[in-house]
């Protein structure tokens, strides 16, 4: 009996230590159908996120704490309103609900940059999720150049 528990414990320890090698990064392909709504100093965003999950298991995103800026001007903090589950072995669109808490002067920054040709968006922070019941925190540090005409969505 003792041998069985020793083997089981060893197997669990090996799986936990090697679980990172079984994990493949998900690929975020595209963000579409963005529809913003203003409420006080917050922007609620409903969007579709196209994600490719090549893992043999579903991945669940539960919480985000991200800061977003345009051309090094702080816009605010982005949080995930509802958890999102990316199905295993899939390449699909998922509805995502985000909340952007605006910093002071952020609306002016958005409107001022909406008439440029391109802007640089910087996103930094953490996203918390889980796979197979094991929690994981992912550090995010992305810099993208986008078409500034997308900012006109927020001017309406």
N, C-alpha and C. Protein backbone atom coordinates (compact mmCIF):
# COMPACT_ATOMS: atom_id res chain seq x y z
N UNK A 1 0.82 -1.20 0.00
CA UNK A 1 0.00 0.00 0.00
C UNK A 1 0.86 1.26 0.00
N UNK A 2 1.92 1.23 0.82
CA UNK A 2 2.81 2.38 0.89
C UNK A 2 3.48 2.61 -0.46
N UNK A 3 3.82 1.55 -1.15
CA UNK A 3 4.47 1.65 -2.45
C UNK A 3 3.54 2.31 -3.47
N UNK A 4 2.25 2.00 -3.43
CA UNK A 4 1.28 2.59 -4.34
C UNK A 4 1.21 4.11 -4.15
N UNK A 5 1.14 4.57 -2.90
CA UNK A 5 1.07 6.01 -2.63
C UNK A 5 2.37 6.71 -3.02
N UNK A 6 3.49 6.05 -2.82
CA UNK A 6 4.78 6.62 -3.21
C UNK A 6 4.84 6.80 -4.72
N UNK A 7 4.41 5.79 -5.45
CA UNK A 7 4.40 5.88 -6.92
C UNK A 7 3.43 6.94 -7.41
N UNK A 8 2.26 6.98 -6.80
CA UNK A 8 1.27 7.98 -7.19
C UNK A 8 1.77 9.39 -6.93
N UNK A 9 2.37 9.60 -5.76
CA UNK A 9 2.93 10.91 -5.43
C UNK A 9 4.05 11.28 -6.39
N UNK A 10 4.91 10.33 -6.71
CA UNK A 10 6.00 10.59 -7.66
C UNK A 10 5.45 10.96 -9.03
N UNK A 11 4.42 10.26 -9.47
CA UNK A 11 3.81 10.55 -10.76
C UNK A 11 3.21 11.95 -10.79
N UNK A 12 2.53 12.33 -9.72
CA UNK A 12 1.93 13.66 -9.65
C UNK A 12 3.01 14.74 -9.67
N UNK A 13 4.09 14.54 -8.92
CA UNK A 13 5.19 15.52 -8.89
C UNK A 13 5.81 15.65 -10.27
N UNK A 14 6.02 14.55 -10.95
CA UNK A 14 6.61 14.59 -12.30
C UNK A 14 5.69 15.32 -13.26
N UNK A 15 4.38 15.03 -13.19
CA UNK A 15 3.43 15.71 -14.07
C UNK A 15 3.38 17.21 -13.81
N UNK A 16 3.42 17.61 -12.55
CA UNK A 16 3.38 19.03 -12.22
C UNK A 16 4.65 19.73 -12.70
N UNK A 17 5.80 19.10 -12.52
CA UNK A 17 7.05 19.72 -12.93
C UNK A 17 7.22 19.77 -14.44
N UNK A 18 6.64 18.82 -15.15
CA UNK A 18 6.78 18.80 -16.61
C UNK A 18 5.57 19.36 -17.32
N UNK A 19 4.58 19.84 -16.58
CA UNK A 19 3.34 20.31 -17.22
C UNK A 19 3.58 21.50 -18.13
N UNK A 20 4.62 22.28 -17.88
CA UNK A 20 4.91 23.42 -18.74
C UNK A 20 5.29 22.97 -20.14
N UNK A 21 5.88 21.78 -20.26
CA UNK A 21 6.26 21.31 -21.58
C UNK A 21 5.05 20.84 -22.38
N UNK A 22 3.95 20.53 -21.72
CA UNK A 22 2.73 20.11 -22.41
C UNK A 22 1.90 21.31 -22.85
N UNK A 23 2.19 22.47 -22.31
CA UNK A 23 1.41 23.67 -22.58
C UNK A 23 1.92 24.36 -23.84
N UNK A 24 1.02 24.61 -24.77
CA UNK A 24 1.34 25.37 -25.97
C UNK A 24 0.64 26.72 -25.83
N UNK A 25 1.34 27.78 -26.22
CA UNK A 25 0.74 29.11 -26.16
C UNK A 25 -0.46 29.18 -27.09
N UNK A 26 -1.50 29.88 -26.64
CA UNK A 26 -2.62 30.11 -27.53
C UNK A 26 -2.27 31.28 -28.43
N UNK A 27 -2.85 31.31 -29.60
CA UNK A 27 -2.57 32.37 -30.56
C UNK A 27 -3.81 33.25 -30.70
N UNK A 28 -3.65 34.52 -30.39
CA UNK A 28 -4.74 35.47 -30.59
C UNK A 28 -4.57 36.04 -31.99
N UNK A 29 -5.53 35.73 -32.84
CA UNK A 29 -5.40 36.09 -34.25
C UNK A 29 -6.00 37.45 -34.58
N UNK A 30 -7.21 37.72 -34.08
CA UNK A 30 -7.89 38.94 -34.50
C UNK A 30 -8.94 39.36 -33.48
N UNK A 31 -9.11 40.66 -33.35
CA UNK A 31 -10.16 41.24 -32.52
C UNK A 31 -11.12 41.97 -33.46
N UNK A 32 -12.37 41.53 -33.50
CA UNK A 32 -13.34 42.11 -34.43
C UNK A 32 -14.63 42.48 -33.70
N UNK A 33 -15.54 43.10 -34.44
CA UNK A 33 -16.87 43.47 -33.94
C UNK A 33 -16.81 44.21 -32.61
N UNK A 34 -15.96 45.21 -32.54
CA UNK A 34 -15.81 45.99 -31.31
C UNK A 34 -16.98 46.96 -31.19
N UNK A 35 -17.68 46.89 -30.06
CA UNK A 35 -18.76 47.84 -29.83
C UNK A 35 -18.60 48.45 -28.43
N UNK A 36 -18.15 49.70 -28.38
CA UNK A 36 -17.95 50.36 -27.08
C UNK A 36 -19.22 51.03 -26.57
N UNK A 37 -19.34 51.07 -25.23
CA UNK A 37 -20.42 51.80 -24.56
C UNK A 37 -19.78 52.60 -23.43
N UNK A 38 -20.17 53.85 -23.28
CA UNK A 38 -19.65 54.70 -22.22
C UNK A 38 -20.55 54.65 -21.01
N UNK A 39 -19.94 54.55 -19.83
CA UNK A 39 -20.64 54.66 -18.56
C UNK A 39 -19.72 55.36 -17.58
N UNK A 40 -20.06 56.57 -17.18
CA UNK A 40 -19.23 57.40 -16.30
C UNK A 40 -17.82 57.52 -16.87
N UNK A 41 -16.81 57.10 -16.13
CA UNK A 41 -15.43 57.16 -16.63
C UNK A 41 -14.96 55.78 -17.08
N UNK A 42 -15.88 54.98 -17.58
CA UNK A 42 -15.55 53.64 -18.03
C UNK A 42 -16.07 53.43 -19.45
N UNK A 43 -15.34 52.61 -20.18
CA UNK A 43 -15.80 52.17 -21.49
C UNK A 43 -15.97 50.67 -21.40
N UNK A 44 -17.19 50.21 -21.69
CA UNK A 44 -17.45 48.77 -21.75
C UNK A 44 -17.33 48.33 -23.20
N UNK A 45 -16.52 47.31 -23.43
CA UNK A 45 -16.28 46.83 -24.79
C UNK A 45 -16.80 45.41 -24.94
N UNK A 46 -17.61 45.22 -25.96
CA UNK A 46 -18.01 43.88 -26.38
C UNK A 46 -17.30 43.63 -27.70
N UNK A 47 -16.65 42.49 -27.82
CA UNK A 47 -15.89 42.21 -29.04
C UNK A 47 -15.84 40.71 -29.27
N UNK A 48 -15.38 40.34 -30.44
CA UNK A 48 -15.14 38.94 -30.78
C UNK A 48 -13.63 38.76 -30.90
N UNK A 49 -13.12 37.73 -30.26
CA UNK A 49 -11.69 37.44 -30.26
C UNK A 49 -11.48 36.10 -30.93
N UNK A 50 -10.72 36.09 -32.03
CA UNK A 50 -10.42 34.84 -32.71
C UNK A 50 -9.16 34.26 -32.10
N UNK A 51 -9.29 33.05 -31.54
CA UNK A 51 -8.20 32.41 -30.81
C UNK A 51 -7.99 31.00 -31.33
N UNK A 52 -6.72 30.63 -31.47
CA UNK A 52 -6.35 29.28 -31.84
C UNK A 52 -5.73 28.61 -30.61
N UNK A 53 -6.39 27.55 -30.12
CA UNK A 53 -5.90 26.79 -28.98
C UNK A 53 -5.54 25.40 -29.47
N UNK A 54 -4.24 25.12 -29.59
CA UNK A 54 -3.77 23.81 -30.07
C UNK A 54 -3.59 22.80 -28.95
N UNK A 55 -3.91 23.17 -27.72
CA UNK A 55 -3.74 22.27 -26.58
C UNK A 55 -4.82 21.20 -26.56
N UNK A 56 -4.54 20.12 -25.85
CA UNK A 56 -5.50 19.02 -25.71
C UNK A 56 -6.51 19.28 -24.61
N UNK A 57 -6.50 20.50 -24.06
CA UNK A 57 -7.41 20.85 -22.97
C UNK A 57 -7.86 22.30 -23.14
N UNK A 58 -8.99 22.60 -22.53
CA UNK A 58 -9.52 23.97 -22.58
C UNK A 58 -8.71 24.88 -21.67
N UNK A 59 -8.67 26.15 -22.02
CA UNK A 59 -7.98 27.15 -21.21
C UNK A 59 -9.01 28.21 -20.82
N UNK A 60 -9.01 28.55 -19.53
CA UNK A 60 -9.98 29.50 -19.00
C UNK A 60 -9.25 30.76 -18.54
N UNK A 61 -9.67 31.94 -19.05
CA UNK A 61 -9.17 33.22 -18.58
C UNK A 61 -10.19 33.77 -17.60
N UNK A 62 -9.75 34.10 -16.38
CA UNK A 62 -10.66 34.52 -15.33
C UNK A 62 -10.57 36.00 -14.99
N UNK A 63 -9.36 36.56 -15.08
CA UNK A 63 -9.15 37.93 -14.60
C UNK A 63 -8.01 38.56 -15.38
N UNK A 64 -8.11 39.86 -15.59
CA UNK A 64 -7.01 40.58 -16.21
C UNK A 64 -6.79 41.89 -15.47
N UNK A 65 -5.55 42.31 -15.43
CA UNK A 65 -5.18 43.59 -14.86
C UNK A 65 -4.14 44.19 -15.79
N UNK A 66 -4.61 44.89 -16.80
CA UNK A 66 -3.75 45.42 -17.85
C UNK A 66 -3.83 46.93 -17.91
N UNK A 67 -2.72 47.59 -18.19
CA UNK A 67 -2.73 49.02 -18.45
C UNK A 67 -2.52 49.20 -19.95
N UNK A 68 -3.24 50.17 -20.50
CA UNK A 68 -3.15 50.42 -21.94
C UNK A 68 -2.80 51.88 -22.15
N UNK A 69 -1.94 52.11 -23.14
CA UNK A 69 -1.55 53.48 -23.46
C UNK A 69 -1.42 53.64 -24.97
N UNK A 70 -1.60 54.87 -25.41
CA UNK A 70 -1.44 55.23 -26.82
C UNK A 70 -0.27 56.20 -26.91
N UNK A 71 0.72 55.84 -27.70
CA UNK A 71 1.91 56.68 -27.88
C UNK A 71 2.44 57.18 -26.53
N UNK A 72 2.57 56.28 -25.58
CA UNK A 72 3.09 56.55 -24.23
C UNK A 72 2.21 57.48 -23.39
N UNK A 73 0.96 57.67 -23.78
CA UNK A 73 0.00 58.43 -22.98
C UNK A 73 -0.99 57.43 -22.38
N UNK A 74 -1.05 57.39 -21.06
CA UNK A 74 -1.88 56.42 -20.34
C UNK A 74 -3.36 56.61 -20.64
N UNK A 75 -4.03 55.50 -21.05
CA UNK A 75 -5.48 55.54 -21.25
C UNK A 75 -6.22 55.05 -20.01
N UNK A 76 -5.74 53.96 -19.42
CA UNK A 76 -6.40 53.43 -18.24
C UNK A 76 -6.11 51.95 -18.05
N UNK A 77 -6.93 51.33 -17.21
CA UNK A 77 -6.79 49.90 -16.89
C UNK A 77 -7.89 49.10 -17.56
N UNK A 78 -7.51 47.95 -18.10
CA UNK A 78 -8.46 47.06 -18.76
C UNK A 78 -8.64 45.82 -17.89
N UNK A 79 -9.90 45.49 -17.60
CA UNK A 79 -10.20 44.27 -16.85
C UNK A 79 -11.20 43.44 -17.62
N UNK A 80 -11.13 42.15 -17.40
CA UNK A 80 -12.05 41.20 -18.02
C UNK A 80 -13.32 41.16 -17.18
N UNK A 81 -14.47 41.39 -17.80
CA UNK A 81 -15.73 41.42 -17.08
C UNK A 81 -16.24 40.01 -16.78
N UNK A 82 -16.16 39.14 -17.77
CA UNK A 82 -16.62 37.75 -17.61
C UNK A 82 -15.51 36.81 -18.02
N UNK A 83 -15.46 35.64 -17.37
CA UNK A 83 -14.43 34.68 -17.74
C UNK A 83 -14.69 34.15 -19.15
N UNK A 84 -13.61 33.74 -19.81
CA UNK A 84 -13.69 33.23 -21.18
C UNK A 84 -13.02 31.86 -21.21
N UNK A 85 -13.68 30.90 -21.83
CA UNK A 85 -13.12 29.55 -21.95
C UNK A 85 -12.84 29.26 -23.41
N UNK A 86 -11.57 29.00 -23.71
CA UNK A 86 -11.15 28.65 -25.06
C UNK A 86 -11.14 27.14 -25.17
N UNK A 87 -11.99 26.59 -26.02
CA UNK A 87 -12.14 25.14 -26.16
C UNK A 87 -10.86 24.50 -26.66
N UNK A 88 -10.68 23.23 -26.34
CA UNK A 88 -9.48 22.50 -26.73
C UNK A 88 -9.47 22.26 -28.24
N UNK A 89 -8.28 22.26 -28.81
CA UNK A 89 -8.08 21.97 -30.23
C UNK A 89 -9.06 22.76 -31.10
N UNK A 90 -9.10 24.07 -30.91
CA UNK A 90 -10.06 24.87 -31.67
C UNK A 90 -9.40 26.11 -32.25
N UNK A 91 -10.04 26.61 -33.28
CA UNK A 91 -9.69 27.90 -33.88
C UNK A 91 -11.04 28.57 -34.11
N UNK A 92 -11.46 29.40 -33.15
CA UNK A 92 -12.82 29.92 -33.18
C UNK A 92 -12.87 31.35 -32.65
N UNK A 93 -14.03 31.99 -32.84
CA UNK A 93 -14.30 33.32 -32.30
C UNK A 93 -15.01 33.18 -30.96
N UNK A 94 -14.59 33.97 -30.00
CA UNK A 94 -15.18 33.94 -28.67
C UNK A 94 -15.62 35.34 -28.28
N UNK A 95 -16.83 35.49 -27.71
CA UNK A 95 -17.25 36.81 -27.25
C UNK A 95 -16.47 37.21 -25.99
N UNK A 96 -15.98 38.44 -25.97
CA UNK A 96 -15.19 38.93 -24.85
C UNK A 96 -15.80 40.24 -24.38
N UNK A 97 -15.93 40.39 -23.06
CA UNK A 97 -16.43 41.63 -22.47
C UNK A 97 -15.32 42.22 -21.61
N UNK A 98 -14.93 43.45 -21.95
CA UNK A 98 -13.85 44.14 -21.25
C UNK A 98 -14.35 45.46 -20.69
N UNK A 99 -13.69 45.92 -19.63
CA UNK A 99 -14.02 47.21 -19.04
C UNK A 99 -12.73 48.02 -18.99
N UNK A 100 -12.77 49.22 -19.57
CA UNK A 100 -11.63 50.13 -19.57
C UNK A 100 -11.95 51.29 -18.63
N UNK A 101 -11.24 51.33 -17.49
CA UNK A 101 -11.37 52.45 -16.55
C UNK A 101 -10.44 53.55 -17.04
N UNK A 102 -11.01 54.65 -17.48
CA UNK A 102 -10.24 55.72 -18.11
C UNK A 102 -9.45 56.53 -17.10
N UNK A 103 -8.22 56.86 -17.48
CA UNK A 103 -7.39 57.77 -16.69
C UNK A 103 -7.83 59.20 -17.01
N UNK A 104 -7.38 60.16 -16.21
CA UNK A 104 -7.70 61.56 -16.45
C UNK A 104 -7.12 61.99 -17.80
N UNK A 105 -7.94 62.61 -18.64
CA UNK A 105 -7.50 63.10 -19.93
C UNK A 105 -7.45 62.04 -21.02
N UNK A 106 -7.91 60.82 -20.73
CA UNK A 106 -7.83 59.73 -21.70
C UNK A 106 -8.74 59.94 -22.90
N UNK A 107 -9.91 60.48 -22.67
CA UNK A 107 -10.84 60.72 -23.78
C UNK A 107 -10.25 61.74 -24.76
N UNK A 108 -9.61 62.76 -24.24
CA UNK A 108 -8.95 63.75 -25.09
C UNK A 108 -7.82 63.09 -25.89
N UNK A 109 -7.07 62.18 -25.26
CA UNK A 109 -5.98 61.47 -25.94
C UNK A 109 -6.53 60.61 -27.07
N UNK A 110 -7.65 59.95 -26.83
CA UNK A 110 -8.26 59.11 -27.88
C UNK A 110 -8.68 59.97 -29.06
N UNK A 111 -9.40 61.06 -28.78
CA UNK A 111 -9.90 61.91 -29.86
C UNK A 111 -8.77 62.60 -30.62
N UNK A 112 -7.73 63.02 -29.92
CA UNK A 112 -6.60 63.68 -30.57
C UNK A 112 -5.86 62.73 -31.52
N UNK A 113 -5.75 61.46 -31.14
CA UNK A 113 -5.03 60.49 -31.96
C UNK A 113 -5.89 59.84 -33.04
N UNK A 114 -7.19 60.05 -33.01
CA UNK A 114 -8.09 59.41 -33.97
C UNK A 114 -7.86 59.90 -35.39
N UNK A 115 -7.25 61.05 -35.56
CA UNK A 115 -7.06 61.60 -36.89
C UNK A 115 -5.66 61.36 -37.45
N UNK A 116 -4.85 60.65 -36.71
CA UNK A 116 -3.53 60.26 -37.21
C UNK A 116 -3.68 59.06 -38.14
N UNK A 117 -2.61 58.75 -38.85
CA UNK A 117 -2.64 57.59 -39.73
C UNK A 117 -2.48 56.29 -38.94
N UNK A 118 -1.48 56.27 -38.02
CA UNK A 118 -1.23 55.10 -37.19
C UNK A 118 -0.89 55.55 -35.78
N UNK A 119 -1.20 54.69 -34.81
CA UNK A 119 -0.82 54.94 -33.43
C UNK A 119 -0.20 53.66 -32.86
N UNK A 120 0.62 53.84 -31.83
CA UNK A 120 1.24 52.71 -31.16
C UNK A 120 0.51 52.45 -29.85
N UNK A 121 -0.02 51.25 -29.72
CA UNK A 121 -0.74 50.83 -28.52
C UNK A 121 0.20 49.95 -27.69
N UNK A 122 0.30 50.24 -26.39
CA UNK A 122 1.11 49.43 -25.48
C UNK A 122 0.19 48.85 -24.41
N UNK A 123 0.29 47.54 -24.23
CA UNK A 123 -0.52 46.85 -23.22
C UNK A 123 0.44 46.10 -22.30
N UNK A 124 0.34 46.37 -21.00
CA UNK A 124 1.19 45.73 -20.00
C UNK A 124 0.34 45.28 -18.83
N UNK A 125 0.72 44.16 -18.23
CA UNK A 125 0.03 43.70 -17.04
C UNK A 125 -0.01 42.19 -16.96
N UNK A 126 -1.05 41.67 -16.31
CA UNK A 126 -1.17 40.23 -16.11
C UNK A 126 -2.57 39.75 -16.48
N UNK A 127 -2.63 38.50 -16.90
CA UNK A 127 -3.88 37.81 -17.15
C UNK A 127 -3.83 36.52 -16.34
N UNK A 128 -4.89 36.27 -15.55
CA UNK A 128 -4.94 35.07 -14.73
C UNK A 128 -5.90 34.08 -15.36
N UNK A 129 -5.48 32.85 -15.39
CA UNK A 129 -6.31 31.81 -15.97
C UNK A 129 -5.97 30.47 -15.37
N UNK A 130 -6.50 29.42 -16.01
CA UNK A 130 -6.20 28.08 -15.55
C UNK A 130 -6.36 27.11 -16.71
N UNK A 131 -5.62 26.02 -16.59
CA UNK A 131 -5.71 24.92 -17.55
C UNK A 131 -5.64 23.64 -16.74
N UNK A 132 -6.59 22.76 -16.96
CA UNK A 132 -6.69 21.51 -16.21
C UNK A 132 -6.77 21.75 -14.70
N UNK A 133 -7.37 22.87 -14.32
CA UNK A 133 -7.52 23.20 -12.91
C UNK A 133 -6.29 23.79 -12.26
N UNK A 134 -5.21 23.94 -13.00
CA UNK A 134 -3.98 24.51 -12.46
C UNK A 134 -3.94 26.00 -12.81
N UNK A 135 -3.94 26.88 -11.78
CA UNK A 135 -3.94 28.31 -12.05
C UNK A 135 -2.59 28.78 -12.60
N UNK A 136 -2.64 29.80 -13.43
CA UNK A 136 -1.42 30.36 -14.02
C UNK A 136 -1.63 31.84 -14.25
N UNK A 137 -0.60 32.63 -13.98
CA UNK A 137 -0.60 34.05 -14.25
C UNK A 137 0.35 34.31 -15.41
N UNK A 138 -0.15 34.99 -16.42
CA UNK A 138 0.64 35.26 -17.62
C UNK A 138 0.96 36.74 -17.67
N UNK A 139 2.24 37.05 -17.81
CA UNK A 139 2.65 38.44 -17.97
C UNK A 139 2.45 38.86 -19.42
N UNK A 140 1.86 40.03 -19.62
CA UNK A 140 1.59 40.55 -20.95
C UNK A 140 2.37 41.84 -21.12
N UNK A 141 3.10 41.94 -22.21
CA UNK A 141 3.78 43.17 -22.58
C UNK A 141 3.82 43.21 -24.09
N UNK A 142 2.81 43.87 -24.67
CA UNK A 142 2.65 43.93 -26.12
C UNK A 142 2.69 45.37 -26.60
N UNK A 143 3.34 45.57 -27.72
CA UNK A 143 3.37 46.86 -28.39
C UNK A 143 2.95 46.62 -29.83
N UNK A 144 1.88 47.27 -30.26
CA UNK A 144 1.34 47.09 -31.61
C UNK A 144 1.10 48.45 -32.25
N UNK A 145 1.31 48.52 -33.54
CA UNK A 145 0.95 49.69 -34.31
C UNK A 145 -0.34 49.38 -35.04
N UNK A 146 -1.35 50.23 -34.82
CA UNK A 146 -2.67 49.99 -35.42
C UNK A 146 -3.11 51.20 -36.23
N UNK A 147 -4.11 50.99 -37.05
CA UNK A 147 -4.72 52.06 -37.82
C UNK A 147 -5.49 52.96 -36.86
N UNK A 148 -5.18 54.23 -36.85
CA UNK A 148 -5.79 55.17 -35.90
C UNK A 148 -7.28 55.38 -36.14
N UNK A 149 -7.77 55.03 -37.32
CA UNK A 149 -9.20 55.23 -37.58
C UNK A 149 -10.06 54.35 -36.67
N UNK A 150 -9.49 53.30 -36.08
CA UNK A 150 -10.23 52.47 -35.12
C UNK A 150 -10.62 53.27 -33.88
N UNK A 151 -9.86 54.30 -33.57
CA UNK A 151 -10.16 55.14 -32.40
C UNK A 151 -11.42 55.97 -32.59
N UNK A 152 -11.84 56.14 -33.83
CA UNK A 152 -13.05 56.92 -34.10
C UNK A 152 -14.30 56.21 -33.56
N UNK A 153 -14.20 54.89 -33.34
CA UNK A 153 -15.31 54.16 -32.72
C UNK A 153 -15.66 54.75 -31.34
N UNK A 154 -14.64 55.23 -30.65
CA UNK A 154 -14.84 55.75 -29.29
C UNK A 154 -15.32 57.20 -29.28
N UNK A 155 -15.28 57.84 -30.42
CA UNK A 155 -15.70 59.24 -30.49
C UNK A 155 -17.20 59.40 -30.66
N UNK A 156 -17.92 58.32 -30.95
CA UNK A 156 -19.36 58.41 -31.18
C UNK A 156 -20.14 58.48 -29.90
